[in-house]
């Protein structure tokens, strides 16, 4: 697992800038999880919230899958961890749930996201439609939203990691 982060060049073009910040935030979440055991990665933030580092990674795997596969590319890609019956399933673990599986699923979805995004310009609209609004979404909007999604959850990850072992940092 690589945890090296690179800040995008300050003179990068728009696409390189957006994709650079998205990669930076993906790497940040991986960095926040590095060096912990499965048990530590499953520790919930504070009662009654089930929020955990492993749950955040599983959540982001499903978020990547939703935006880049279902909406952008219009692929039939059902959720990995949640369902209508268990909308927060990514934060509920069983004995068989491991960091290795969560991380592999997340990385596979990131690879699919990169592959699908490469087929679109920033202005291109998605092939699929948003499940609630029915609207097509531009790749620019999806990238921007994903940066926001990761940034918000990386703030959560900062606090969870500090609770687990005292580690702090950006």
Protein backbone atom coordinates (compact mmCIF):
# COMPACT_ATOMS: atom_id res chain seq x y z
CA UNK A 1 0.00 0.00 0.00
CA UNK A 2 1.46 3.32 -1.04
CA UNK A 3 0.86 6.33 1.17
CA UNK A 4 3.05 8.87 -0.63
CA UNK A 5 1.04 11.95 -1.55
CA UNK A 6 1.74 14.46 -4.27
CA UNK A 7 0.22 17.92 -4.38
CA UNK A 8 -0.73 18.88 -7.96
CA UNK A 9 1.45 21.45 -9.69
CA UNK A 10 0.20 24.98 -9.07
CA UNK A 11 0.29 25.66 -12.81
CA UNK A 12 -1.45 22.44 -13.89
CA UNK A 13 -4.36 22.56 -16.31
CA UNK A 14 -7.88 22.09 -15.01
CA UNK A 15 -8.14 18.35 -15.61
CA UNK A 16 -4.69 17.61 -14.22
CA UNK A 17 -5.50 19.81 -11.23
CA UNK A 18 -8.82 18.09 -10.48
CA UNK A 19 -7.41 14.60 -10.95
CA UNK A 20 -4.31 15.55 -8.96
CA UNK A 21 -6.34 16.71 -5.96
CA UNK A 22 -8.56 13.64 -6.20
CA UNK A 23 -5.48 11.39 -6.09
CA UNK A 24 -4.04 13.43 -3.21
CA UNK A 25 -7.19 12.83 -1.16
CA UNK A 26 -7.30 9.14 -2.06
CA UNK A 27 -3.70 8.84 -0.88
CA UNK A 28 -4.53 10.78 2.30
CA UNK A 29 -7.21 8.27 3.29
CA UNK A 30 -4.78 5.39 2.66
CA UNK A 31 -2.16 7.19 4.77
CA UNK A 32 -4.62 7.57 7.67
CA UNK A 33 -5.19 3.81 7.64
CA UNK A 34 -1.56 2.73 7.25
CA UNK A 35 0.04 0.57 9.92
CA UNK A 36 -3.11 -0.34 11.83
CA UNK A 37 -4.56 -3.78 12.54
CA UNK A 38 -7.96 -4.95 11.33
CA UNK A 39 -9.27 -4.48 14.87
CA UNK A 40 -7.96 -0.91 15.05
CA UNK A 41 -9.36 -0.06 11.61
CA UNK A 42 -12.80 -1.25 12.78
CA UNK A 43 -12.85 0.94 15.93
CA UNK A 44 -15.84 3.27 15.85
CA UNK A 45 -15.24 6.98 16.31
CA UNK A 46 -17.62 7.75 19.20
CA UNK A 47 -20.90 6.27 20.37
CA UNK A 48 -23.44 5.99 18.88
CA UNK A 49 -21.73 6.48 15.49
CA UNK A 50 -20.43 3.36 13.70
CA UNK A 51 -17.94 5.51 11.71
CA UNK A 52 -14.53 3.81 11.45
CA UNK A 53 -11.50 3.94 9.18
CA UNK A 54 -12.33 0.61 7.54
CA UNK A 55 -15.93 1.75 7.17
CA UNK A 56 -14.77 4.96 5.48
CA UNK A 57 -12.68 2.96 3.00
CA UNK A 58 -15.62 0.67 2.26
CA UNK A 59 -17.87 3.72 1.93
CA UNK A 60 -15.48 5.35 -0.54
CA UNK A 61 -15.28 2.13 -2.56
CA UNK A 62 -19.05 2.31 -2.99
CA UNK A 63 -18.97 6.07 -3.69
CA UNK A 64 -16.30 5.60 -6.40
CA UNK A 65 -18.37 2.72 -7.82
CA UNK A 66 -21.56 4.76 -7.86
CA UNK A 67 -20.21 7.89 -9.52
CA UNK A 68 -17.71 6.47 -11.99
CA UNK A 69 -19.30 3.16 -12.90
CA UNK A 70 -23.06 3.47 -12.42
CA UNK A 71 -23.52 7.14 -13.26
CA UNK A 72 -20.59 8.12 -15.49
CA UNK A 73 -20.28 4.91 -17.52
CA UNK A 74 -23.82 3.54 -16.99
CA UNK A 75 -22.48 0.15 -15.87
CA UNK A 76 -24.58 -2.35 -13.97
CA UNK A 77 -22.58 -2.23 -10.73
CA UNK A 78 -24.63 -2.96 -7.61
CA UNK A 79 -23.42 -1.63 -4.25
CA UNK A 80 -20.65 -3.58 -2.57
CA UNK A 81 -21.45 -2.99 1.09
CA UNK A 82 -24.83 -1.33 1.54
CA UNK A 83 -28.36 -2.26 0.56
CA UNK A 84 -31.83 -0.82 0.84
CA UNK A 85 -32.28 -3.01 3.94
CA UNK A 86 -28.94 -1.90 5.42
CA UNK A 87 -28.13 1.60 4.09
CA UNK A 88 -25.06 1.89 6.37
CA UNK A 89 -23.78 -1.61 5.67
CA UNK A 90 -20.26 -0.37 4.93
CA UNK A 91 -19.90 0.51 8.63
CA UNK A 92 -21.17 -2.82 9.99
CA UNK A 93 -18.62 -5.63 10.08
CA UNK A 94 -18.72 -9.36 10.50
CA UNK A 95 -15.97 -11.81 11.42
CA UNK A 96 -15.03 -12.28 7.74
CA UNK A 97 -14.60 -8.56 7.01
CA UNK A 98 -10.93 -7.64 6.69
CA UNK A 99 -8.82 -4.64 5.83
CA UNK A 100 -7.22 -6.61 3.00
CA UNK A 101 -10.62 -7.14 1.34
CA UNK A 102 -11.80 -3.56 1.97
CA UNK A 103 -8.57 -2.07 0.63
CA UNK A 104 -8.57 -4.35 -2.46
CA UNK A 105 -12.19 -3.43 -3.25
CA UNK A 106 -11.45 0.27 -2.84
CA UNK A 107 -8.38 0.08 -5.08
CA UNK A 108 -10.32 -1.86 -7.73
CA UNK A 109 -12.99 0.84 -7.76
CA UNK A 110 -10.35 3.58 -8.02
CA UNK A 111 -8.85 1.77 -11.03
CA UNK A 112 -12.30 1.49 -12.63
CA UNK A 113 -12.90 5.18 -11.94
CA UNK A 114 -9.63 6.18 -13.62
CA UNK A 115 -10.36 3.95 -16.60
CA UNK A 116 -13.91 5.26 -17.05
CA UNK A 117 -12.97 8.92 -16.54
CA UNK A 118 -10.28 8.64 -19.23
CA UNK A 119 -13.06 8.14 -21.82
CA UNK A 120 -14.72 11.49 -21.02
CA UNK A 121 -13.81 15.16 -21.30
CA UNK A 122 -14.59 17.33 -18.28
CA UNK A 123 -17.62 18.77 -20.11
CA UNK A 124 -19.02 15.40 -21.22
CA UNK A 125 -22.21 14.33 -19.52
CA UNK A 126 -22.52 10.91 -17.94
CA UNK A 127 -24.01 8.00 -19.86
CA UNK A 128 -26.09 7.13 -16.82
CA UNK A 129 -28.30 9.31 -14.67
CA UNK A 130 -28.31 10.19 -11.02
CA UNK A 131 -30.66 7.80 -9.22
CA UNK A 132 -32.52 10.52 -7.31
CA UNK A 133 -32.56 13.45 -9.77
CA UNK A 134 -32.58 11.53 -13.05
CA UNK A 135 -30.06 14.02 -14.43
CA UNK A 136 -26.86 13.40 -16.33
CA UNK A 137 -23.74 14.75 -14.61
CA UNK A 138 -20.55 16.18 -16.12
CA UNK A 139 -17.21 14.59 -15.34
CA UNK A 140 -16.08 18.00 -13.99
CA UNK A 141 -18.91 17.92 -11.43
CA UNK A 142 -18.17 14.30 -10.49
CA UNK A 143 -14.46 15.00 -9.97
CA UNK A 144 -15.27 18.12 -7.92
CA UNK A 145 -17.80 16.24 -5.83
CA UNK A 146 -15.37 13.39 -5.21
CA UNK A 147 -12.69 15.83 -4.00
CA UNK A 148 -15.26 17.28 -1.57
CA UNK A 149 -16.36 13.80 -0.47
CA UNK A 150 -12.81 12.66 0.24
CA UNK A 151 -11.85 15.93 1.94
CA UNK A 152 -14.82 15.68 4.31
CA UNK A 153 -14.15 12.06 5.16
CA UNK A 154 -10.42 12.66 5.53
CA UNK A 155 -11.32 15.11 8.29
CA UNK A 156 -13.24 12.29 9.97
CA UNK A 157 -10.26 9.97 9.40
CA UNK A 158 -7.92 12.48 11.11
CA UNK A 159 -9.99 12.39 14.27
CA UNK A 160 -10.53 8.63 14.24
CA UNK A 161 -6.81 7.96 13.75
CA UNK A 162 -5.90 10.32 16.58
CA UNK A 163 -8.36 8.49 18.84
CA UNK A 164 -6.83 5.10 17.95
CA UNK A 165 -3.12 5.80 18.46
CA UNK A 166 -2.59 9.54 18.87
CA UNK A 167 -1.20 9.99 15.34
CA UNK A 168 -1.88 13.44 13.92
CA UNK A 169 -0.93 15.27 10.76
CA UNK A 170 -2.31 16.21 7.40
